[in-house]
Amino acid sequence: MDIENKQPNQEMTDKAMPVHHAHNNVKPGMMFIRPRRKLWFMCAVLLIIVVIGMGWSWWLFGRNTFNEDANINKNEFQAIFLTNGQVYFGKLSNLNHKYVTITDVYYLQVQSNTSLQGASSSSSPNSQVSLVKLGNELHGPQDEMYIATDQMLFWENLKPSGKVTQAIDKYQAEQ
């Protein structure tokens, strides 16, 4: 048997002789750096996609698309009911802001006449409700109010045939 003339089979050559490529220059102990880097990159890309998707969803669906100002009857008065029980009547505007604006403002004032027998309640026949124009108070405010929207319970348009609107019209006719 001639050992020198024998050619090693191809299978032995592949196992015995490793093929070196430029991307296989991995040092021992650094085997997992590239897969971890790839995992972090994929997580970052996924996070960016989620954030963009959430922003896009908010832009489409989450914005306040209900236009309050379009529901205001600009030719009539509105009643504004506050969380403290006070009600103001006037021309409402700028509803989609932190504060709303009311101009040409009126409010109700209860005047009770006390009798000698004791204090009367607001439901007694001695009580009178009157409509007061803002601006005639001791501190002399202008005829314009700014109310924080978180202090408003609700507002409504008033009909021209309502008692408050008729009282406002009567007051304005006398001026």
N, C-alpha and C. Protein backbone atom coordinates (compact mmCIF):
# COMPACT_ATOMS: atom_id res chain seq x y z
N MET A 1 0.81 -1.16 0.00
CA MET A 1 0.00 0.00 0.00
C MET A 1 0.86 1.23 0.00
N ASP A 2 0.54 2.04 -0.86
CA ASP A 2 1.30 3.26 -1.01
C ASP A 2 0.53 4.39 -0.32
N ILE A 3 1.04 4.84 0.77
CA ILE A 3 0.36 5.85 1.57
C ILE A 3 0.53 7.21 0.94
N GLU A 4 1.64 7.47 0.32
CA GLU A 4 1.89 8.78 -0.23
C GLU A 4 0.98 9.10 -1.40
N ASN A 5 0.57 8.16 -2.18
CA ASN A 5 -0.24 8.42 -3.35
C ASN A 5 -1.72 8.52 -3.05
N LYS A 6 -2.09 8.18 -1.88
CA LYS A 6 -3.52 8.21 -1.56
C LYS A 6 -3.97 9.67 -1.38
N GLN A 7 -5.04 9.99 -1.99
CA GLN A 7 -5.65 11.32 -1.85
C GLN A 7 -6.69 11.27 -0.72
N PRO A 8 -6.66 12.22 0.11
CA PRO A 8 -7.71 12.22 1.13
C PRO A 8 -9.04 12.51 0.46
N ASN A 9 -10.07 11.86 0.98
CA ASN A 9 -11.38 12.08 0.33
C ASN A 9 -11.89 13.50 0.66
N GLN A 10 -12.81 13.92 -0.10
CA GLN A 10 -13.30 15.31 0.00
C GLN A 10 -13.92 15.59 1.36
N GLU A 11 -14.56 14.60 1.94
CA GLU A 11 -15.20 14.79 3.22
C GLU A 11 -14.16 15.10 4.28
N MET A 12 -13.06 14.41 4.27
CA MET A 12 -11.99 14.64 5.22
C MET A 12 -11.39 16.03 5.02
N THR A 13 -11.30 16.50 3.81
CA THR A 13 -10.72 17.80 3.51
C THR A 13 -11.59 18.91 4.09
N ASP A 14 -12.90 18.79 3.94
CA ASP A 14 -13.81 19.82 4.46
C ASP A 14 -13.74 19.92 5.97
N LYS A 15 -13.61 18.78 6.63
CA LYS A 15 -13.55 18.80 8.09
C LYS A 15 -12.20 19.27 8.56
N ALA A 16 -11.18 18.89 7.92
CA ALA A 16 -9.85 19.20 8.38
C ALA A 16 -9.45 20.63 8.07
N MET A 17 -9.93 21.20 7.01
CA MET A 17 -9.51 22.52 6.59
C MET A 17 -10.68 23.51 6.73
N PRO A 18 -10.67 24.31 7.77
CA PRO A 18 -11.76 25.27 7.92
C PRO A 18 -11.64 26.39 6.90
N VAL A 19 -12.78 26.83 6.45
CA VAL A 19 -12.82 27.92 5.48
C VAL A 19 -12.95 29.22 6.26
N HIS A 20 -12.06 30.16 5.99
CA HIS A 20 -12.09 31.44 6.68
C HIS A 20 -12.69 32.50 5.77
N HIS A 21 -13.72 33.17 6.29
CA HIS A 21 -14.34 34.29 5.59
C HIS A 21 -14.17 35.53 6.46
N ALA A 22 -14.38 36.69 5.88
CA ALA A 22 -14.18 37.95 6.60
C ALA A 22 -15.17 38.08 7.76
N HIS A 23 -16.40 37.58 7.58
CA HIS A 23 -17.40 37.74 8.63
C HIS A 23 -17.30 36.69 9.72
N ASN A 24 -16.43 35.76 9.58
CA ASN A 24 -16.27 34.72 10.60
C ASN A 24 -15.14 35.02 11.57
N ASN A 25 -14.68 36.26 11.62
CA ASN A 25 -13.60 36.61 12.54
C ASN A 25 -14.19 36.90 13.92
N VAL A 26 -14.80 35.92 14.53
CA VAL A 26 -15.43 36.04 15.83
C VAL A 26 -14.44 35.52 16.86
N LYS A 27 -14.20 36.35 17.86
CA LYS A 27 -13.30 35.96 18.92
C LYS A 27 -14.04 35.05 19.89
N PRO A 28 -13.34 34.18 20.55
CA PRO A 28 -13.99 33.31 21.53
C PRO A 28 -14.66 34.13 22.63
N GLY A 29 -15.88 33.75 23.02
CA GLY A 29 -16.64 34.45 24.03
C GLY A 29 -17.49 35.57 23.49
N MET A 30 -17.36 35.92 22.22
CA MET A 30 -18.13 36.99 21.61
C MET A 30 -19.14 36.45 20.63
N MET A 31 -19.48 35.21 20.77
CA MET A 31 -20.40 34.58 19.85
C MET A 31 -21.79 35.22 19.85
N PHE A 32 -22.22 35.74 21.00
CA PHE A 32 -23.60 36.20 21.12
C PHE A 32 -23.75 37.70 20.99
N ILE A 33 -22.73 38.42 20.69
CA ILE A 33 -22.82 39.87 20.57
C ILE A 33 -23.67 40.26 19.38
N ARG A 34 -23.44 39.71 18.27
CA ARG A 34 -24.19 40.09 17.08
C ARG A 34 -25.66 39.71 17.17
N PRO A 35 -26.01 38.52 17.63
CA PRO A 35 -27.45 38.23 17.77
C PRO A 35 -28.12 39.15 18.79
N ARG A 36 -27.43 39.52 19.86
CA ARG A 36 -28.02 40.44 20.84
C ARG A 36 -28.19 41.82 20.24
N ARG A 37 -27.23 42.27 19.49
CA ARG A 37 -27.32 43.57 18.84
C ARG A 37 -28.48 43.57 17.84
N LYS A 38 -28.64 42.50 17.15
CA LYS A 38 -29.74 42.37 16.19
C LYS A 38 -31.08 42.38 16.92
N LEU A 39 -31.14 41.71 18.07
CA LEU A 39 -32.37 41.68 18.85
C LEU A 39 -32.72 43.08 19.35
N TRP A 40 -31.74 43.82 19.87
CA TRP A 40 -31.99 45.18 20.31
C TRP A 40 -32.45 46.08 19.17
N PHE A 41 -31.84 45.92 18.03
CA PHE A 41 -32.21 46.71 16.86
C PHE A 41 -33.66 46.41 16.46
N MET A 42 -34.02 45.15 16.46
CA MET A 42 -35.39 44.76 16.10
C MET A 42 -36.40 45.30 17.12
N CYS A 43 -36.04 45.27 18.41
CA CYS A 43 -36.92 45.82 19.45
C CYS A 43 -37.09 47.32 19.27
N ALA A 44 -36.01 48.02 18.96
CA ALA A 44 -36.07 49.47 18.74
C ALA A 44 -36.95 49.80 17.54
N VAL A 45 -36.80 49.06 16.47
CA VAL A 45 -37.62 49.28 15.28
C VAL A 45 -39.09 49.01 15.60
N LEU A 46 -39.36 47.95 16.33
CA LEU A 46 -40.73 47.61 16.70
C LEU A 46 -41.33 48.70 17.59
N LEU A 47 -40.54 49.20 18.54
CA LEU A 47 -41.01 50.27 19.41
C LEU A 47 -41.33 51.53 18.61
N ILE A 48 -40.50 51.87 17.68
CA ILE A 48 -40.74 53.05 16.84
C ILE A 48 -42.02 52.87 16.02
N ILE A 49 -42.23 51.69 15.50
CA ILE A 49 -43.44 51.42 14.72
C ILE A 49 -44.67 51.54 15.60
N VAL A 50 -44.61 51.02 16.83
CA VAL A 50 -45.75 51.11 17.75
C VAL A 50 -46.05 52.56 18.10
N VAL A 51 -45.01 53.35 18.39
CA VAL A 51 -45.21 54.76 18.73
C VAL A 51 -45.80 55.53 17.56
N ILE A 52 -45.31 55.29 16.38
CA ILE A 52 -45.87 55.95 15.19
C ILE A 52 -47.32 55.53 14.99
N GLY A 53 -47.61 54.25 15.18
CA GLY A 53 -48.98 53.76 15.04
C GLY A 53 -49.92 54.37 16.06
N MET A 54 -49.46 54.53 17.29
CA MET A 54 -50.30 55.15 18.32
C MET A 54 -50.54 56.63 18.00
N GLY A 55 -49.51 57.31 17.56
CA GLY A 55 -49.68 58.72 17.18
C GLY A 55 -50.64 58.88 16.02
N TRP A 56 -50.52 58.03 15.06
CA TRP A 56 -51.41 58.09 13.91
C TRP A 56 -52.85 57.78 14.33
N SER A 57 -53.04 56.80 15.20
CA SER A 57 -54.38 56.46 15.69
C SER A 57 -54.99 57.62 16.45
N TRP A 58 -54.17 58.27 17.31
CA TRP A 58 -54.68 59.42 18.05
C TRP A 58 -55.07 60.53 17.09
N TRP A 59 -54.23 60.75 16.08
CA TRP A 59 -54.53 61.82 15.13
C TRP A 59 -55.84 61.55 14.40
N LEU A 60 -56.09 60.29 14.04
CA LEU A 60 -57.32 59.96 13.33
C LEU A 60 -58.55 59.92 14.23
N PHE A 61 -58.42 59.29 15.40
CA PHE A 61 -59.60 59.00 16.20
C PHE A 61 -59.65 59.71 17.54
N GLY A 62 -58.52 60.07 18.11
CA GLY A 62 -58.50 60.58 19.47
C GLY A 62 -58.68 62.07 19.61
N ARG A 63 -58.53 62.81 18.56
CA ARG A 63 -58.67 64.26 18.65
C ARG A 63 -60.13 64.62 18.89
N ASN A 64 -60.32 65.79 19.43
CA ASN A 64 -61.67 66.28 19.66
C ASN A 64 -62.25 66.71 18.32
N THR A 65 -62.99 65.80 17.69
CA THR A 65 -63.54 66.10 16.38
C THR A 65 -64.92 66.74 16.47
N PHE A 66 -65.50 66.78 17.69
CA PHE A 66 -66.80 67.40 17.88
C PHE A 66 -66.59 68.89 18.02
N ASN A 67 -67.09 69.67 17.10
CA ASN A 67 -66.90 71.11 17.09
C ASN A 67 -68.02 71.78 17.88
N GLU A 68 -67.72 72.12 19.13
CA GLU A 68 -68.71 72.74 20.00
C GLU A 68 -69.18 74.08 19.45
N ASP A 69 -68.24 74.86 18.92
CA ASP A 69 -68.61 76.19 18.42
C ASP A 69 -69.67 76.13 17.33
N ALA A 70 -69.69 75.06 16.57
CA ALA A 70 -70.69 74.93 15.51
C ALA A 70 -72.09 74.74 16.08
N ASN A 71 -72.19 74.29 17.34
CA ASN A 71 -73.50 74.05 17.95
C ASN A 71 -74.07 75.27 18.65
N ILE A 72 -73.30 76.32 18.75
CA ILE A 72 -73.78 77.55 19.39
C ILE A 72 -74.65 78.32 18.40
N ASN A 73 -75.84 78.66 18.83
CA ASN A 73 -76.71 79.52 18.02
C ASN A 73 -76.24 80.95 18.28
N LYS A 74 -75.47 81.50 17.37
CA LYS A 74 -74.84 82.81 17.54
C LYS A 74 -75.86 83.94 17.64
N ASN A 75 -77.07 83.73 17.15
CA ASN A 75 -78.10 84.76 17.17
C ASN A 75 -78.88 84.80 18.48
N GLU A 76 -78.70 83.82 19.33
CA GLU A 76 -79.47 83.72 20.57
C GLU A 76 -78.54 83.66 21.77
N PHE A 77 -79.15 83.67 22.95
CA PHE A 77 -78.40 83.57 24.20
C PHE A 77 -78.25 82.10 24.61
N GLN A 78 -77.25 81.86 25.48
CA GLN A 78 -77.03 80.53 26.01
C GLN A 78 -77.09 80.60 27.54
N ALA A 79 -77.47 79.48 28.15
CA ALA A 79 -77.43 79.34 29.60
C ALA A 79 -76.23 78.45 29.92
N ILE A 80 -75.40 78.89 30.87
CA ILE A 80 -74.20 78.15 31.25
C ILE A 80 -74.36 77.75 32.71
N PHE A 81 -74.38 76.45 32.98
CA PHE A 81 -74.58 75.92 34.32
C PHE A 81 -73.21 75.50 34.89
N LEU A 82 -72.88 76.06 36.06
CA LEU A 82 -71.59 75.79 36.68
C LEU A 82 -71.69 74.76 37.80
N THR A 83 -70.56 74.24 38.18
CA THR A 83 -70.51 73.20 39.22
C THR A 83 -70.90 73.74 40.59
N ASN A 84 -70.81 75.05 40.81
CA ASN A 84 -71.18 75.63 42.10
C ASN A 84 -72.66 75.99 42.19
N GLY A 85 -73.44 75.67 41.15
CA GLY A 85 -74.87 75.94 41.16
C GLY A 85 -75.26 77.25 40.49
N GLN A 86 -74.30 78.09 40.20
CA GLN A 86 -74.57 79.37 39.55
C GLN A 86 -74.91 79.15 38.08
N VAL A 87 -75.81 79.98 37.57
CA VAL A 87 -76.19 79.93 36.15
C VAL A 87 -75.98 81.32 35.57
N TYR A 88 -75.30 81.38 34.44
CA TYR A 88 -75.11 82.64 33.73
C TYR A 88 -75.77 82.54 32.37
N PHE A 89 -76.25 83.68 31.90
CA PHE A 89 -76.88 83.77 30.58
C PHE A 89 -76.08 84.77 29.77
N GLY A 90 -75.81 84.44 28.53
CA GLY A 90 -75.05 85.36 27.69
C GLY A 90 -74.72 84.73 26.36
N LYS A 91 -73.82 85.39 25.65
CA LYS A 91 -73.35 84.91 24.35
C LYS A 91 -72.07 84.11 24.58
N LEU A 92 -72.11 82.86 24.26
CA LEU A 92 -71.01 81.92 24.52
C LEU A 92 -70.12 81.79 23.29
N SER A 93 -68.81 81.70 23.51
CA SER A 93 -67.87 81.47 22.40
C SER A 93 -66.61 80.79 22.92
N ASN A 94 -65.77 80.35 22.00
CA ASN A 94 -64.48 79.69 22.30
C ASN A 94 -64.63 78.46 23.19
N LEU A 95 -65.48 77.55 22.81
CA LEU A 95 -65.74 76.38 23.65
C LEU A 95 -64.66 75.33 23.62
N ASN A 96 -63.83 75.28 22.61
CA ASN A 96 -62.82 74.22 22.53
C ASN A 96 -61.50 74.63 23.16
N HIS A 97 -61.56 75.42 24.20
CA HIS A 97 -60.36 75.90 24.87
C HIS A 97 -60.46 75.60 26.36
N LYS A 98 -59.42 75.94 27.08
CA LYS A 98 -59.41 75.73 28.53
C LYS A 98 -60.43 76.64 29.22
N TYR A 99 -60.64 77.81 28.66
CA TYR A 99 -61.63 78.76 29.17
C TYR A 99 -62.63 79.08 28.07
N VAL A 100 -63.88 79.29 28.46
CA VAL A 100 -64.88 79.74 27.51
C VAL A 100 -65.14 81.22 27.77
N THR A 101 -65.61 81.89 26.77
CA THR A 101 -65.89 83.32 26.88
C THR A 101 -67.39 83.54 26.84
N ILE A 102 -67.88 84.39 27.74
CA ILE A 102 -69.30 84.77 27.74
C ILE A 102 -69.35 86.29 27.71
N THR A 103 -70.10 86.81 26.77
CA THR A 103 -70.29 88.26 26.69
C THR A 103 -71.78 88.55 26.83
N ASP A 104 -72.10 89.80 27.09
CA ASP A 104 -73.49 90.23 27.31
C ASP A 104 -74.10 89.35 28.42
N VAL A 105 -73.48 89.38 29.58
CA VAL A 105 -73.73 88.43 30.68
C VAL A 105 -74.83 88.92 31.62
N TYR A 106 -75.71 87.98 31.97
CA TYR A 106 -76.77 88.18 32.96
C TYR A 106 -76.76 87.00 33.92
N TYR A 107 -77.31 87.22 35.11
CA TYR A 107 -77.47 86.13 36.06
C TYR A 107 -78.71 86.39 36.90
N LEU A 108 -79.19 85.34 37.57
CA LEU A 108 -80.37 85.45 38.41
C LEU A 108 -79.97 85.80 39.83
N GLN A 109 -80.76 86.69 40.45
CA GLN A 109 -80.52 87.05 41.83
C GLN A 109 -81.82 86.88 42.59
N VAL A 110 -81.74 86.15 43.70
CA VAL A 110 -82.93 85.92 44.52
C VAL A 110 -82.92 86.94 45.65
N GLN A 111 -83.99 87.69 45.74
CA GLN A 111 -84.15 88.68 46.82
C GLN A 111 -85.29 88.20 47.69
N SER A 112 -84.98 87.99 48.94
CA SER A 112 -86.04 87.51 49.84
C SER A 112 -86.36 88.59 50.86
N ASN A 113 -87.65 88.76 51.11
CA ASN A 113 -88.12 89.70 52.12
C ASN A 113 -88.34 88.90 53.40
N THR A 114 -87.67 89.31 54.46
CA THR A 114 -87.84 88.59 55.73
C THR A 114 -88.99 89.19 56.50
N SER A 115 -89.74 88.36 57.14
CA SER A 115 -90.86 88.82 57.94
C SER A 115 -90.48 88.73 59.42
N LEU A 116 -91.30 89.25 60.27
CA LEU A 116 -91.03 89.21 61.70
C LEU A 116 -91.09 87.80 62.25
N GLN A 117 -91.76 86.89 61.57
CA GLN A 117 -91.93 85.53 62.06
C GLN A 117 -90.71 84.67 61.80
N GLY A 118 -89.77 85.10 61.03
CA GLY A 118 -88.56 84.31 60.77
C GLY A 118 -88.09 84.49 59.34
N ALA A 119 -86.96 83.91 59.05
CA ALA A 119 -86.40 84.01 57.69
C ALA A 119 -87.21 83.16 56.74
N SER A 120 -87.38 83.65 55.56
CA SER A 120 -88.14 82.89 54.57
C SER A 120 -87.18 82.15 53.66
N SER A 121 -87.64 81.07 53.10
CA SER A 121 -86.82 80.31 52.16
C SER A 121 -87.03 80.86 50.77
N SER A 122 -86.23 80.37 49.83
CA SER A 122 -86.34 80.87 48.46
C SER A 122 -87.65 80.45 47.80
N SER A 123 -88.35 79.49 48.39
CA SER A 123 -89.61 79.06 47.80
C SER A 123 -90.81 79.77 48.40
N SER A 124 -90.58 80.65 49.36
CA SER A 124 -91.71 81.35 49.99
C SER A 124 -92.24 82.42 49.05
N PRO A 125 -93.48 82.83 49.25
CA PRO A 125 -94.07 83.86 48.38
C PRO A 125 -93.39 85.21 48.50
N ASN A 126 -92.59 85.44 49.55
CA ASN A 126 -91.92 86.72 49.74
C ASN A 126 -90.64 86.84 48.93
N SER A 127 -90.20 85.80 48.23
CA SER A 127 -88.97 85.83 47.45
C SER A 127 -89.24 86.34 46.05
N GLN A 128 -88.28 87.11 45.56
CA GLN A 128 -88.37 87.60 44.19
C GLN A 128 -87.09 87.23 43.44
N VAL A 129 -87.26 86.77 42.22
CA VAL A 129 -86.11 86.45 41.37
C VAL A 129 -86.02 87.54 40.33
N SER A 130 -84.83 88.11 40.22
CA SER A 130 -84.64 89.16 39.22
C SER A 130 -83.42 88.84 38.37
N LEU A 131 -83.44 89.35 37.17
CA LEU A 131 -82.33 89.16 36.24
C LEU A 131 -81.41 90.38 36.37
N VAL A 132 -80.11 90.12 36.60
CA VAL A 132 -79.15 91.20 36.84
C VAL A 132 -78.14 91.20 35.71
N LYS A 133 -77.85 92.39 35.20
CA LYS A 133 -76.84 92.57 34.16
C LYS A 133 -75.47 92.66 34.81
N LEU A 134 -74.51 91.88 34.34
CA LEU A 134 -73.15 91.93 34.86
C LEU A 134 -72.53 93.27 34.51
N GLY A 135 -71.87 93.87 35.49
CA GLY A 135 -71.21 95.16 35.29
C GLY A 135 -71.70 96.20 36.26
N ASN A 136 -72.83 95.97 36.91
CA ASN A 136 -73.37 96.94 37.85
C ASN A 136 -72.99 96.61 39.30
N GLU A 137 -72.15 95.63 39.53
CA GLU A 137 -71.76 95.22 40.86
C GLU A 137 -70.76 96.22 41.45
N LEU A 138 -70.52 96.10 42.74
CA LEU A 138 -69.65 97.01 43.47
C LEU A 138 -68.24 97.04 42.89
N HIS A 139 -67.72 95.89 42.49
CA HIS A 139 -66.34 95.84 41.98
C HIS A 139 -66.23 96.26 40.52
N GLY A 140 -67.35 96.51 39.85
CA GLY A 140 -67.37 97.06 38.50
C GLY A 140 -66.73 96.21 37.42
N PRO A 141 -67.15 94.95 37.27
CA PRO A 141 -66.55 94.11 36.23
C PRO A 141 -66.99 94.53 34.83
N GLN A 142 -66.19 94.19 33.85
CA GLN A 142 -66.59 94.39 32.46
C GLN A 142 -67.66 93.36 32.11
N ASP A 143 -68.35 93.60 31.03
CA ASP A 143 -69.43 92.71 30.61
C ASP A 143 -68.88 91.54 29.79
N GLU A 144 -67.94 90.82 30.39
CA GLU A 144 -67.34 89.67 29.74
C GLU A 144 -66.77 88.77 30.82
N MET A 145 -66.98 87.47 30.66
CA MET A 145 -66.47 86.51 31.64
C MET A 145 -65.69 85.41 30.94
N TYR A 146 -64.71 84.89 31.66
CA TYR A 146 -63.95 83.73 31.19
C TYR A 146 -64.12 82.64 32.25
N ILE A 147 -64.69 81.54 31.86
CA ILE A 147 -64.99 80.46 32.79
C ILE A 147 -64.17 79.24 32.39
N ALA A 148 -63.52 78.62 33.37
CA ALA A 148 -62.76 77.39 33.12
C ALA A 148 -63.74 76.29 32.72
N THR A 149 -63.40 75.57 31.66
CA THR A 149 -64.31 74.55 31.16
C THR A 149 -64.52 73.42 32.16
N ASP A 150 -63.56 73.20 33.06
CA ASP A 150 -63.78 72.14 34.05
C ASP A 150 -64.75 72.56 35.15
N GLN A 151 -65.17 73.83 35.17
CA GLN A 151 -66.16 74.31 36.12
C GLN A 151 -67.57 74.34 35.51
N MET A 152 -67.68 74.00 34.24
CA MET A 152 -68.98 73.98 33.57
C MET A 152 -69.58 72.58 33.62
N LEU A 153 -70.84 72.50 33.99
CA LEU A 153 -71.55 71.23 33.91
C LEU A 153 -72.06 71.02 32.50
N PHE A 154 -72.77 72.03 32.00
CA PHE A 154 -73.29 71.97 30.63
C PHE A 154 -73.75 73.36 30.23
N TRP A 155 -74.09 73.50 28.98
CA TRP A 155 -74.64 74.74 28.46
C TRP A 155 -75.75 74.39 27.49
N GLU A 156 -76.61 75.35 27.22
CA GLU A 156 -77.71 75.12 26.26
C GLU A 156 -78.10 76.42 25.59
N ASN A 157 -78.56 76.30 24.37
CA ASN A 157 -79.09 77.45 23.64
C ASN A 157 -80.47 77.77 24.19
N LEU A 158 -80.79 79.07 24.30
CA LEU A 158 -82.09 79.50 24.79
C LEU A 158 -83.00 79.88 23.63
N LYS A 159 -84.26 79.56 23.76
CA LYS A 159 -85.25 79.94 22.74
C LYS A 159 -85.63 81.41 22.91
N PRO A 160 -85.95 82.08 21.82
CA PRO A 160 -86.38 83.48 21.94
C PRO A 160 -87.68 83.62 22.74
N SER A 161 -88.47 82.56 22.80
CA SER A 161 -89.75 82.64 23.51
C SER A 161 -89.63 82.34 25.01
N GLY A 162 -88.43 82.02 25.50
CA GLY A 162 -88.25 81.71 26.92
C GLY A 162 -88.33 82.96 27.78
N LYS A 163 -88.66 82.78 29.07
CA LYS A 163 -88.81 83.91 29.99
C LYS A 163 -87.51 84.67 30.20
N VAL A 164 -86.39 83.97 30.26
CA VAL A 164 -85.10 84.64 30.46
C VAL A 164 -84.77 85.50 29.24
N THR A 165 -84.94 84.95 28.06
CA THR A 165 -84.65 85.71 26.84
C THR A 165 -85.57 86.91 26.72
N GLN A 166 -86.83 86.75 27.07
CA GLN A 166 -87.76 87.88 27.03
C GLN A 166 -87.38 88.95 28.05
N ALA A 167 -86.92 88.55 29.23
CA ALA A 167 -86.48 89.52 30.24
C ALA A 167 -85.23 90.26 29.77
N ILE A 168 -84.31 89.55 29.09
CA ILE A 168 -83.12 90.22 28.54
C ILE A 168 -83.51 91.22 27.47
N ASP A 169 -84.42 90.80 26.58
CA ASP A 169 -84.88 91.72 25.53
C ASP A 169 -85.54 92.97 26.13
N LYS A 170 -86.33 92.78 27.19
CA LYS A 170 -87.01 93.91 27.85
C LYS A 170 -85.97 94.84 28.48
N TYR A 171 -84.94 94.28 29.13
CA TYR A 171 -83.89 95.08 29.73
C TYR A 171 -83.14 95.88 28.67
N GLN A 172 -82.82 95.23 27.55
CA GLN A 172 -82.07 95.92 26.48
C GLN A 172 -82.92 97.00 25.83
N ALA A 173 -84.23 96.81 25.75
CA ALA A 173 -85.10 97.82 25.16
C ALA A 173 -85.19 99.06 26.04
N GLU A 174 -85.10 98.88 27.35
CA GLU A 174 -85.17 100.01 28.29
C GLU A 174 -83.86 100.81 28.31
N GLN A 175 -82.78 100.24 27.88
CA GLN A 175 -81.48 100.92 27.93
C GLN A 175 -81.30 101.81 26.78
